[in-house]
């Protein structure tokens, strides 16, 4: 399976890397990103940079925001894992599970 994964990575990432390099070389001209929609000529709220830099920054920003949202949404699973780890330690120390009646009912339903 690892050989297939390596080949798949080569097939996907090498052309993608070449495409990104071509994109960088083709878009070296400086563009202005105006952050003031009411007065786009205002130079205080505008950034001038090559187009590929703005594209890469937007992709990096999107990945960061997506990672934070995913981390935030998975918080309940991390909390559950911590709780279950504490329960496992208690079971090992006491030899008896400390389970609530609600959890016992849920286990019987499954």
PDB file of N, CA and C in Angstrom:
ATOM      1  N   UNK A   1       0.816  -1.198   0.000  1.00  0.00           N
ATOM      2  CA  UNK A   1       0.000   0.000   0.000  1.00  0.00           C
ATOM      3  C   UNK A   1       0.859   1.262   0.000  1.00  0.00           C
ATOM      4  N   UNK A   2       2.033   1.187   0.585  1.00  0.00           N
ATOM      5  CA  UNK A   2       2.871   2.382   0.643  1.00  0.00           C
ATOM      6  C   UNK A   2       3.423   2.752  -0.729  1.00  0.00           C
ATOM      7  N   UNK A   3       3.686   1.751  -1.577  1.00  0.00           N
ATOM      8  CA  UNK A   3       4.163   2.060  -2.928  1.00  0.00           C
ATOM      9  C   UNK A   3       3.082   2.764  -3.730  1.00  0.00           C
ATOM     10  N   UNK A   4       1.849   2.309  -3.569  1.00  0.00           N
ATOM     11  CA  UNK A   4       0.731   2.941  -4.278  1.00  0.00           C
ATOM     12  C   UNK A   4       0.571   4.379  -3.799  1.00  0.00           C
ATOM     13  N   UNK A   5       0.714   4.583  -2.501  1.00  0.00           N
ATOM     14  CA  UNK A   5       0.588   5.933  -1.954  1.00  0.00           C
ATOM     15  C   UNK A   5       1.697   6.839  -2.475  1.00  0.00           C
ATOM     16  N   UNK A   6       2.916   6.328  -2.549  1.00  0.00           N
ATOM     17  CA  UNK A   6       4.034   7.126  -3.064  1.00  0.00           C
ATOM     18  C   UNK A   6       3.815   7.489  -4.527  1.00  0.00           C
ATOM     19  N   UNK A   7       3.349   6.524  -5.311  1.00  0.00           N
ATOM     20  CA  UNK A   7       3.088   6.786  -6.729  1.00  0.00           C
ATOM     21  C   UNK A   7       1.961   7.802  -6.872  1.00  0.00           C
ATOM     22  N   UNK A   8       0.909   7.647  -6.066  1.00  0.00           N
ATOM     23  CA  UNK A   8      -0.206   8.594  -6.126  1.00  0.00           C
ATOM     24  C   UNK A   8       0.257   9.995  -5.743  1.00  0.00           C
ATOM     25  N   UNK A   9       1.097  10.086  -4.719  1.00  0.00           N
ATOM     26  CA  UNK A   9       1.629  11.399  -4.334  1.00  0.00           C
ATOM     27  C   UNK A   9       2.450  12.016  -5.461  1.00  0.00           C
ATOM     28  N   UNK A  10       3.264  11.210  -6.118  1.00  0.00           N
ATOM     29  CA  UNK A  10       4.052  11.728  -7.239  1.00  0.00           C
ATOM     30  C   UNK A  10       3.152  12.186  -8.380  1.00  0.00           C
ATOM     31  N   UNK A  11       2.150  11.388  -8.691  1.00  0.00           N
ATOM     32  CA  UNK A  11       1.253  11.714  -9.806  1.00  0.00           C
ATOM     33  C   UNK A  11       0.466  12.988  -9.508  1.00  0.00           C
ATOM     34  N   UNK A  12       0.128  13.208  -8.255  1.00  0.00           N
ATOM     35  CA  UNK A  12      -0.680  14.377  -7.905  1.00  0.00           C
ATOM     36  C   UNK A  12       0.187  15.605  -7.625  1.00  0.00           C
ATOM     37  N   UNK A  13       1.206  15.449  -6.780  1.00  0.00           N
ATOM     38  CA  UNK A  13       1.926  16.618  -6.281  1.00  0.00           C
ATOM     39  C   UNK A  13       2.990  17.157  -7.227  1.00  0.00           C
ATOM     40  N   UNK A  14       3.596  16.335  -8.048  1.00  0.00           N
ATOM     41  CA  UNK A  14       4.597  16.849  -8.993  1.00  0.00           C
ATOM     42  C   UNK A  14       3.935  17.760 -10.031  1.00  0.00           C
ATOM     43  N   UNK A  15       2.848  17.330 -10.693  1.00  0.00           N
ATOM     44  CA  UNK A  15       2.194  18.265 -11.623  1.00  0.00           C
ATOM     45  C   UNK A  15       1.634  19.502 -10.919  1.00  0.00           C
ATOM     46  N   UNK A  16       1.135  19.325  -9.689  1.00  0.00           N
ATOM     47  CA  UNK A  16       0.628  20.472  -8.945  1.00  0.00           C
ATOM     48  C   UNK A  16       1.750  21.456  -8.627  1.00  0.00           C
ATOM     49  N   UNK A  17       2.904  20.947  -8.250  1.00  0.00           N
ATOM     50  CA  UNK A  17       4.058  21.809  -7.989  1.00  0.00           C
ATOM     51  C   UNK A  17       4.508  22.543  -9.238  1.00  0.00           C
ATOM     52  N   UNK A  18       4.552  21.830 -10.353  1.00  0.00           N
ATOM     53  CA  UNK A  18       4.926  22.468 -11.622  1.00  0.00           C
ATOM     54  C   UNK A  18       3.920  23.551 -11.984  1.00  0.00           C
ATOM     55  N   UNK A  19       2.641  23.260 -11.801  1.00  0.00           N
ATOM     56  CA  UNK A  19       1.597  24.238 -12.089  1.00  0.00           C
ATOM     57  C   UNK A  19       1.748  25.477 -11.204  1.00  0.00           C
ATOM     58  N   UNK A  20       2.057  25.283  -9.933  1.00  0.00           N
ATOM     59  CA  UNK A  20       2.243  26.427  -9.038  1.00  0.00           C
ATOM     60  C   UNK A  20       3.465  27.256  -9.418  1.00  0.00           C
ATOM     61  N   UNK A  21       4.529  26.605  -9.824  1.00  0.00           N
ATOM     62  CA  UNK A  21       5.726  27.342 -10.259  1.00  0.00           C
ATOM     63  C   UNK A  21       5.420  28.150 -11.517  1.00  0.00           C
ATOM     64  N   UNK A  22       4.707  27.554 -12.458  1.00  0.00           N
ATOM     65  CA  UNK A  22       4.316  28.273 -13.675  1.00  0.00           C
ATOM     66  C   UNK A  22       3.414  29.448 -13.322  1.00  0.00           C
ATOM     67  N   UNK A  23       2.496  29.244 -12.382  1.00  0.00           N
ATOM     68  CA  UNK A  23       1.607  30.316 -11.938  1.00  0.00           C
ATOM     69  C   UNK A  23       2.408  31.464 -11.329  1.00  0.00           C
ATOM     70  N   UNK A  24       3.401  31.134 -10.530  1.00  0.00           N
ATOM     71  CA  UNK A  24       4.240  32.175  -9.911  1.00  0.00           C
ATOM     72  C   UNK A  24       5.010  32.971 -10.955  1.00  0.00           C
ATOM     73  N   UNK A  25       5.574  32.280 -11.923  1.00  0.00           N
ATOM     74  CA  UNK A  25       6.365  32.953 -12.954  1.00  0.00           C
ATOM     75  C   UNK A  25       5.470  33.801 -13.853  1.00  0.00           C
ATOM     76  N   UNK A  26       4.274  33.311 -14.152  1.00  0.00           N
ATOM     77  CA  UNK A  26       3.381  34.025 -15.063  1.00  0.00           C
ATOM     78  C   UNK A  26       2.725  35.237 -14.403  1.00  0.00           C
ATOM     79  N   UNK A  27       2.607  35.250 -13.082  1.00  0.00           N
ATOM     80  CA  UNK A  27       1.893  36.328 -12.393  1.00  0.00           C
ATOM     81  C   UNK A  27       2.812  37.110 -11.464  1.00  0.00           C
ATOM     82  N   UNK A  28       3.904  37.605 -12.023  1.00  0.00           N
ATOM     83  CA  UNK A  28       4.844  38.389 -11.222  1.00  0.00           C
ATOM     84  C   UNK A  28       4.462  39.855 -11.151  1.00  0.00           C
ATOM     85  N   UNK A  29       3.503  40.285 -11.950  1.00  0.00           N
ATOM     86  CA  UNK A  29       3.111  41.691 -11.945  1.00  0.00           C
ATOM     87  C   UNK A  29       2.445  42.020 -10.610  1.00  0.00           C
ATOM     88  N   UNK A  30       2.670  43.226 -10.179  1.00  0.00           N
ATOM     89  CA  UNK A  30       2.095  43.674  -8.920  1.00  0.00           C
ATOM     90  C   UNK A  30       0.638  44.062  -9.136  1.00  0.00           C
ATOM     91  N   UNK A  31      -0.217  43.591  -8.257  1.00  0.00           N
ATOM     92  CA  UNK A  31      -1.633  43.957  -8.282  1.00  0.00           C
ATOM     93  C   UNK A  31      -1.952  44.618  -6.949  1.00  0.00           C
ATOM     94  N   UNK A  32      -3.001  45.419  -6.954  1.00  0.00           N
ATOM     95  CA  UNK A  32      -3.398  46.131  -5.745  1.00  0.00           C
ATOM     96  C   UNK A  32      -4.684  45.529  -5.215  1.00  0.00           C
ATOM     97  N   UNK A  33      -4.649  45.138  -3.959  1.00  0.00           N
ATOM     98  CA  UNK A  33      -5.831  44.625  -3.272  1.00  0.00           C
ATOM     99  C   UNK A  33      -6.368  45.762  -2.417  1.00  0.00           C
ATOM    100  N   UNK A  34      -7.529  46.309  -2.815  1.00  0.00           N
ATOM    101  CA  UNK A  34      -8.134  47.427  -2.091  1.00  0.00           C
ATOM    102  C   UNK A  34      -9.066  46.870  -1.024  1.00  0.00           C
ATOM    103  N   UNK A  35      -8.812  47.238   0.224  1.00  0.00           N
ATOM    104  CA  UNK A  35      -9.625  46.754   1.335  1.00  0.00           C
ATOM    105  C   UNK A  35     -10.742  47.728   1.703  1.00  0.00           C
ATOM    106  N   UNK A  36     -10.822  48.851   1.009  1.00  0.00           N
ATOM    107  CA  UNK A  36     -11.878  49.828   1.231  1.00  0.00           C
ATOM    108  C   UNK A  36     -12.797  49.806   0.011  1.00  0.00           C
ATOM    109  N   UNK A  37     -13.973  49.177   0.102  1.00  0.00           N
ATOM    110  CA  UNK A  37     -14.834  49.070  -1.079  1.00  0.00           C
ATOM    111  C   UNK A  37     -15.470  50.392  -1.502  1.00  0.00           C
ATOM    112  N   UNK A  38     -15.518  51.380  -0.611  1.00  0.00           N
ATOM    113  CA  UNK A  38     -16.164  52.641  -0.933  1.00  0.00           C
ATOM    114  C   UNK A  38     -15.215  53.625  -1.604  1.00  0.00           C
ATOM    115  N   UNK A  39     -13.925  53.532  -1.308  1.00  0.00           N
ATOM    116  CA  UNK A  39     -12.914  54.369  -1.955  1.00  0.00           C
ATOM    117  C   UNK A  39     -11.731  53.482  -2.334  1.00  0.00           C
ATOM    118  N   UNK A  40     -11.819  52.791  -3.459  1.00  0.00           N
ATOM    119  CA  UNK A  40     -10.732  51.882  -3.835  1.00  0.00           C
ATOM    120  C   UNK A  40      -9.408  52.593  -4.107  1.00  0.00           C
ATOM    121  N   UNK A  41      -9.439  53.903  -4.345  1.00  0.00           N
ATOM    122  CA  UNK A  41      -8.205  54.637  -4.611  1.00  0.00           C
ATOM    123  C   UNK A  41      -7.444  54.940  -3.322  1.00  0.00           C
ATOM    124  N   UNK A  42      -8.065  54.744  -2.170  1.00  0.00           N
ATOM    125  CA  UNK A  42      -7.430  55.020  -0.882  1.00  0.00           C
ATOM    126  C   UNK A  42      -6.247  54.081  -0.693  1.00  0.00           C
ATOM    127  N   UNK A  43      -5.049  54.663  -0.611  1.00  0.00           N
ATOM    128  CA  UNK A  43      -3.847  53.836  -0.524  1.00  0.00           C
ATOM    129  C   UNK A  43      -3.559  53.359   0.901  1.00  0.00           C
ATOM    130  N   UNK A  44      -4.276  53.898   1.885  1.00  0.00           N
ATOM    131  CA  UNK A  44      -4.050  53.483   3.269  1.00  0.00           C
ATOM    132  C   UNK A  44      -4.535  52.050   3.479  1.00  0.00           C
ATOM    133  N   UNK A  45      -5.670  51.726   2.899  1.00  0.00           N
ATOM    134  CA  UNK A  45      -6.248  50.392   3.061  1.00  0.00           C
ATOM    135  C   UNK A  45      -6.078  49.554   1.800  1.00  0.00           C
ATOM    136  N   UNK A  46      -4.918  49.582   1.223  1.00  0.00           N
ATOM    137  CA  UNK A  46      -4.656  48.759   0.045  1.00  0.00           C
ATOM    138  C   UNK A  46      -3.271  48.142   0.160  1.00  0.00           C
ATOM    139  N   UNK A  47      -3.137  46.992  -0.475  1.00  0.00           N
ATOM    140  CA  UNK A  47      -1.878  46.251  -0.440  1.00  0.00           C
ATOM    141  C   UNK A  47      -1.477  45.958  -1.874  1.00  0.00           C
ATOM    142  N   UNK A  48      -0.242  46.243  -2.213  1.00  0.00           N
ATOM    143  CA  UNK A  48       0.282  45.916  -3.535  1.00  0.00           C
ATOM    144  C   UNK A  48       1.278  44.774  -3.399  1.00  0.00           C
ATOM    145  N   UNK A  49       1.029  43.717  -4.156  1.00  0.00           N
ATOM    146  CA  UNK A  49       1.910  42.546  -4.125  1.00  0.00           C
ATOM    147  C   UNK A  49       1.688  41.765  -5.412  1.00  0.00           C
ATOM    148  N   UNK A  50       2.622  40.897  -5.760  1.00  0.00           N
ATOM    149  CA  UNK A  50       2.396  40.026  -6.919  1.00  0.00           C
ATOM    150  C   UNK A  50       1.168  39.135  -6.688  1.00  0.00           C
ATOM    151  N   UNK A  51       0.482  38.815  -7.765  1.00  0.00           N
ATOM    152  CA  UNK A  51      -0.761  38.057  -7.664  1.00  0.00           C
ATOM    153  C   UNK A  51      -0.551  36.711  -6.984  1.00  0.00           C
ATOM    154  N   UNK A  52       0.550  36.021  -7.296  1.00  0.00           N
ATOM    155  CA  UNK A  52       0.745  34.700  -6.705  1.00  0.00           C
ATOM    156  C   UNK A  52       0.936  34.783  -5.193  1.00  0.00           C
ATOM    157  N   UNK A  53       1.501  35.888  -4.702  1.00  0.00           N
ATOM    158  CA  UNK A  53       1.656  36.048  -3.253  1.00  0.00           C
ATOM    159  C   UNK A  53       0.290  36.172  -2.599  1.00  0.00           C
ATOM    160  N   UNK A  54      -0.586  36.971  -3.201  1.00  0.00           N
ATOM    161  CA  UNK A  54      -1.933  37.118  -2.658  1.00  0.00           C
ATOM    162  C   UNK A  54      -2.697  35.796  -2.707  1.00  0.00           C
ATOM    163  N   UNK A  55      -2.523  35.039  -3.787  1.00  0.00           N
ATOM    164  CA  UNK A  55      -3.192  33.737  -3.882  1.00  0.00           C
ATOM    165  C   UNK A  55      -2.685  32.778  -2.812  1.00  0.00           C
ATOM    166  N   UNK A  56      -1.375  32.705  -2.634  1.00  0.00           N
ATOM    167  CA  UNK A  56      -0.812  31.807  -1.626  1.00  0.00           C
ATOM    168  C   UNK A  56      -1.243  32.222  -0.220  1.00  0.00           C
ATOM    169  N   UNK A  57      -1.243  33.524   0.049  1.00  0.00           N
ATOM    170  CA  UNK A  57      -1.671  33.990   1.366  1.00  0.00           C
ATOM    171  C   UNK A  57      -3.136  33.659   1.630  1.00  0.00           C
ATOM    172  N   UNK A  58      -3.978  33.780   0.605  1.00  0.00           N
ATOM    173  CA  UNK A  58      -5.390  33.445   0.796  1.00  0.00           C
ATOM    174  C   UNK A  58      -5.576  31.949   1.036  1.00  0.00           C
ATOM    175  N   UNK A  59      -4.796  31.113   0.361  1.00  0.00           N
ATOM    176  CA  UNK A  59      -4.879  29.665   0.591  1.00  0.00           C
ATOM    177  C   UNK A  59      -4.398  29.327   2.000  1.00  0.00           C
ATOM    178  N   UNK A  60      -3.300  29.922   2.423  1.00  0.00           N
ATOM    179  CA  UNK A  60      -2.777  29.666   3.770  1.00  0.00           C
ATOM    180  C   UNK A  60      -3.771  30.146   4.824  1.00  0.00           C
ATOM    181  N   UNK A  61      -4.361  31.313   4.613  1.00  0.00           N
ATOM    182  CA  UNK A  61      -5.362  31.834   5.546  1.00  0.00           C
ATOM    183  C   UNK A  61      -6.569  30.902   5.615  1.00  0.00           C
ATOM    184  N   UNK A  62      -7.041  30.442   4.466  1.00  0.00           N
ATOM    185  CA  UNK A  62      -8.182  29.527   4.439  1.00  0.00           C
ATOM    186  C   UNK A  62      -7.891  28.212   5.139  1.00  0.00           C
ATOM    187  N   UNK A  63      -6.684  27.700   4.950  1.00  0.00           N
ATOM    188  CA  UNK A  63      -6.316  26.456   5.630  1.00  0.00           C
ATOM    189  C   UNK A  63      -6.243  26.669   7.140  1.00  0.00           C
ATOM    190  N   UNK A  64      -5.739  27.811   7.561  1.00  0.00           N
ATOM    191  CA  UNK A  64      -5.671  28.105   8.995  1.00  0.00           C
ATOM    192  C   UNK A  64      -7.053  28.222   9.618  1.00  0.00           C
ATOM    193  N   UNK A  65      -7.942  28.949   8.957  1.00  0.00           N
ATOM    194  CA  UNK A  65      -9.303  29.094   9.468  1.00  0.00           C
ATOM    195  C   UNK A  65     -10.012  27.743   9.481  1.00  0.00           C
ATOM    196  N   UNK A  66      -9.848  26.970   8.424  1.00  0.00           N
ATOM    197  CA  UNK A  66     -10.463  25.643   8.380  1.00  0.00           C
ATOM    198  C   UNK A  66      -9.940  24.723   9.467  1.00  0.00           C
ATOM    199  N   UNK A  67      -8.650  24.802   9.746  1.00  0.00           N
ATOM    200  CA  UNK A  67      -8.065  23.985  10.815  1.00  0.00           C
ATOM    201  C   UNK A  67      -8.623  24.379  12.174  1.00  0.00           C
ATOM    202  N   UNK A  68      -8.748  25.685  12.413  1.00  0.00           N
ATOM    203  CA  UNK A  68      -9.289  26.130  13.699  1.00  0.00           C
ATOM    204  C   UNK A  68     -10.746  25.720  13.867  1.00  0.00           C
ATOM    205  N   UNK A  69     -11.535  25.833  12.816  1.00  0.00           N
ATOM    206  CA  UNK A  69     -12.944  25.435  12.891  1.00  0.00           C
ATOM    207  C   UNK A  69     -13.060  23.937  13.137  1.00  0.00           C
ATOM    208  N   UNK A  70     -12.242  23.151  12.469  1.00  0.00           N
ATOM    209  CA  UNK A  70     -12.258  21.705  12.680  1.00  0.00           C
ATOM    210  C   UNK A  70     -11.858  21.370  14.106  1.00  0.00           C
ATOM    211  N   UNK A  71     -10.810  22.012  14.610  1.00  0.00           N
ATOM    212  CA  UNK A  71     -10.367  21.777  15.983  1.00  0.00           C
ATOM    213  C   UNK A  71     -11.476  22.135  16.962  1.00  0.00           C
ATOM    214  N   UNK A  72     -12.149  23.252  16.730  1.00  0.00           N
ATOM    215  CA  UNK A  72     -13.226  23.700  17.603  1.00  0.00           C
ATOM    216  C   UNK A  72     -14.384  22.701  17.582  1.00  0.00           C
ATOM    217  N   UNK A  73     -14.765  22.230  16.402  1.00  0.00           N
ATOM    218  CA  UNK A  73     -15.891  21.305  16.291  1.00  0.00           C
ATOM    219  C   UNK A  73     -15.588  19.936  16.876  1.00  0.00           C
ATOM    220  N   UNK A  74     -14.338  19.544  16.921  1.00  0.00           N
ATOM    221  CA  UNK A  74     -13.982  18.234  17.451  1.00  0.00           C
ATOM    222  C   UNK A  74     -13.662  18.277  18.939  1.00  0.00           C
ATOM    223  N   UNK A  75     -13.916  19.391  19.588  1.00  0.00           N
ATOM    224  CA  UNK A  75     -13.634  19.531  21.014  1.00  0.00           C
ATOM    225  C   UNK A  75     -14.394  18.535  21.861  1.00  0.00           C
ATOM    226  N   UNK A  76     -15.635  18.240  21.502  1.00  0.00           N
ATOM    227  CA  UNK A  76     -16.418  17.293  22.306  1.00  0.00           C
ATOM    228  C   UNK A  76     -15.803  15.900  22.262  1.00  0.00           C
ATOM    229  N   UNK A  77     -15.201  15.536  21.144  1.00  0.00           N
ATOM    230  CA  UNK A  77     -14.576  14.213  21.052  1.00  0.00           C
ATOM    231  C   UNK A  77     -13.294  14.153  21.880  1.00  0.00           C
ATOM    232  N   UNK A  78     -12.550  15.249  21.915  1.00  0.00           N
ATOM    233  CA  UNK A  78     -11.357  15.287  22.759  1.00  0.00           C
ATOM    234  C   UNK A  78     -11.742  15.229  24.230  1.00  0.00           C
ATOM    235  N   UNK A  79     -12.830  15.928  24.586  1.00  0.00           N
ATOM    236  CA  UNK A  79     -13.316  15.895  25.964  1.00  0.00           C
ATOM    237  C   UNK A  79     -13.755  14.484  26.335  1.00  0.00           C
ATOM    238  N   UNK A  80     -14.462  13.825  25.437  1.00  0.00           N
ATOM    239  CA  UNK A  80     -14.901  12.454  25.686  1.00  0.00           C
ATOM    240  C   UNK A  80     -13.699  11.523  25.843  1.00  0.00           C
ATOM    241  N   UNK A  81     -12.678  11.705  25.039  1.00  0.00           N
ATOM    242  CA  UNK A  81     -11.480  10.867  25.141  1.00  0.00           C
ATOM    243  C   UNK A  81     -10.778  11.089  26.478  1.00  0.00           C
ATOM    244  N   UNK A  82     -10.697  12.343  26.940  1.00  0.00           N
ATOM    245  CA  UNK A  82     -10.085  12.610  28.243  1.00  0.00           C
ATOM    246  C   UNK A  82     -10.885  11.963  29.368  1.00  0.00           C
ATOM    247  N   UNK A  83     -12.216  12.075  29.295  1.00  0.00           N
ATOM    248  CA  UNK A  83     -13.071  11.476  30.315  1.00  0.00           C
ATOM    249  C   UNK A  83     -12.906   9.966  30.338  1.00  0.00           C
ATOM    250  N   UNK A  84     -12.900   9.352  29.174  1.00  0.00           N
ATOM    251  CA  UNK A  84     -12.750   7.900  29.111  1.00  0.00           C
ATOM    252  C   UNK A  84     -11.364   7.460  29.575  1.00  0.00           C
ATOM    253  N   UNK A  85     -10.352   8.271  29.326  1.00  0.00           N
ATOM    254  CA  UNK A  85      -9.011   7.937  29.812  1.00  0.00           C
ATOM    255  C   UNK A  85      -8.974   7.988  31.337  1.00  0.00           C
ATOM    256  N   UNK A  86      -9.630   8.997  31.931  1.00  0.00           N
ATOM    257  CA  UNK A  86      -9.699   9.065  33.392  1.00  0.00           C
ATOM    258  C   UNK A  86     -10.451   7.867  33.959  1.00  0.00           C
ATOM    259  N   UNK A  87     -11.541   7.487  33.301  1.00  0.00           N
ATOM    260  CA  UNK A  87     -12.309   6.318  33.737  1.00  0.00           C
ATOM    261  C   UNK A  87     -11.459   5.055  33.666  1.00  0.00           C
ATOM    262  N   UNK A  88     -10.673   4.921  32.613  1.00  0.00           N
ATOM    263  CA  UNK A  88      -9.820   3.736  32.465  1.00  0.00           C
ATOM    264  C   UNK A  88      -8.795   3.672  33.591  1.00  0.00           C
ATOM    265  N   UNK A  89      -8.243   4.831  33.963  1.00  0.00           N
ATOM    266  CA  UNK A  89      -7.282   4.858  35.071  1.00  0.00           C
ATOM    267  C   UNK A  89      -7.977   4.463  36.369  1.00  0.00           C
ATOM    268  N   UNK A  90      -9.192   4.982  36.582  1.00  0.00           N
ATOM    269  CA  UNK A  90      -9.945   4.615  37.788  1.00  0.00           C
ATOM    270  C   UNK A  90     -10.229   3.119  37.812  1.00  0.00           C
ATOM    271  N   UNK A  91     -10.612   2.554  36.680  1.00  0.00           N
ATOM    272  CA  UNK A  91     -10.914   1.122  36.613  1.00  0.00           C
ATOM    273  C   UNK A  91      -9.675   0.304  36.953  1.00  0.00           C
ATOM    274  N   UNK A  92      -8.536   0.738  36.463  1.00  0.00           N
ATOM    275  CA  UNK A  92      -7.304   0.002  36.745  1.00  0.00           C
ATOM    276  C   UNK A  92      -6.922   0.104  38.216  1.00  0.00           C
ATOM    277  N   UNK A  93      -7.161   1.253  38.815  1.00  0.00           N
ATOM    278  CA  UNK A  93      -6.783   1.436  40.215  1.00  0.00           C
ATOM    279  C   UNK A  93      -7.756   0.738  41.160  1.00  0.00           C
ATOM    280  N   UNK A  94      -9.042   0.853  40.905  1.00  0.00           N
ATOM    281  CA  UNK A  94     -10.056   0.311  41.808  1.00  0.00           C
ATOM    282  C   UNK A  94     -10.509  -1.088  41.423  1.00  0.00           C
ATOM    283  N   UNK A  95     -10.409  -1.410  40.194  1.00  0.00           N
ATOM    284  CA  UNK A  95     -10.916  -2.697  39.736  1.00  0.00           C
ATOM    285  C   UNK A  95     -12.411  -2.693  39.495  1.00  0.00           C
ATOM    286  N   UNK A  96     -13.069  -1.559  39.729  1.00  0.00           N
ATOM    287  CA  UNK A  96     -14.515  -1.460  39.539  1.00  0.00           C
ATOM    288  C   UNK A  96     -14.806  -0.277  38.615  1.00  0.00           C
ATOM    289  N   UNK A  97     -15.684  -0.478  37.650  1.00  0.00           N
ATOM    290  CA  UNK A  97     -16.051   0.660  36.805  1.00  0.00           C
ATOM    291  C   UNK A  97     -17.015   1.582  37.541  1.00  0.00           C
ATOM    292  N   UNK A  98     -16.804   2.863  37.410  1.00  0.00           N
ATOM    293  CA  UNK A  98     -17.744   3.833  37.968  1.00  0.00           C
ATOM    294  C   UNK A  98     -18.583   4.352  36.816  1.00  0.00           C
ATOM    295  N   UNK A  99     -19.728   3.737  36.625  1.00  0.00           N
ATOM    296  CA  UNK A  99     -20.585   4.065  35.494  1.00  0.00           C
ATOM    297  C   UNK A  99     -21.909   4.588  36.027  1.00  0.00           C
ATOM    298  N   UNK A 100     -22.419   5.622  35.408  1.00  0.00           N
ATOM    299  CA  UNK A 100     -23.673   6.210  35.849  1.00  0.00           C
ATOM    300  C   UNK A 100     -24.841   5.390  35.309  1.00  0.00           C
ATOM    301  N   UNK A 101     -26.016   5.524  35.909  1.00  0.00           N
ATOM    302  CA  UNK A 101     -27.187   4.786  35.414  1.00  0.00           C
ATOM    303  C   UNK A 101     -27.543   5.146  33.973  1.00  0.00           C
ATOM    304  N   UNK A 102     -27.327   6.397  33.598  1.00  0.00           N
ATOM    305  CA  UNK A 102     -27.627   6.815  32.221  1.00  0.00           C
ATOM    306  C   UNK A 102     -26.700   6.096  31.249  1.00  0.00           C
ATOM    307  N   UNK A 103     -25.411   6.040  31.579  1.00  0.00           N
ATOM    308  CA  UNK A 103     -24.460   5.340  30.712  1.00  0.00           C
ATOM    309  C   UNK A 103     -24.762   3.851  30.653  1.00  0.00           C
ATOM    310  N   UNK A 104     -25.173   3.280  31.775  1.00  0.00           N
ATOM    311  CA  UNK A 104     -25.530   1.857  31.787  1.00  0.00           C
ATOM    312  C   UNK A 104     -26.719   1.599  30.876  1.00  0.00           C
ATOM    313  N   UNK A 105     -27.696   2.502  30.897  1.00  0.00           N
ATOM    314  CA  UNK A 105     -28.868   2.350  30.031  1.00  0.00           C
ATOM    315  C   UNK A 105     -28.462   2.455  28.563  1.00  0.00           C
ATOM    316  N   UNK A 106     -27.561   3.395  28.250  1.00  0.00           N
ATOM    317  CA  UNK A 106     -27.105   3.541  26.872  1.00  0.00           C
ATOM    318  C   UNK A 106     -26.357   2.305  26.409  1.00  0.00           C
ATOM    319  N   UNK A 107     -25.592   1.693  27.298  1.00  0.00           N
ATOM    320  CA  UNK A 107     -24.866   0.476  26.933  1.00  0.00           C
ATOM    321  C   UNK A 107     -25.827  -0.678  26.678  1.00  0.00           C
ATOM    322  N   UNK A 108     -26.915  -0.746  27.453  1.00  0.00           N
ATOM    323  CA  UNK A 108     -27.897  -1.813  27.251  1.00  0.00           C
ATOM    324  C   UNK A 108     -28.649  -1.639  25.939  1.00  0.00           C
ATOM    325  N   UNK A 109     -28.864  -0.387  25.529  1.00  0.00           N
ATOM    326  CA  UNK A 109     -29.593  -0.126  24.281  1.00  0.00           C
ATOM    327  C   UNK A 109     -28.775  -0.590  23.094  1.00  0.00           C
ATOM    328  N   UNK A 110     -27.479  -0.397  23.138  1.00  0.00           N
ATOM    329  CA  UNK A 110     -26.617  -0.791  22.025  1.00  0.00           C
ATOM    330  C   UNK A 110     -26.579  -2.276  21.973  1.00  0.00           C
TER     331      UNK A 110
END
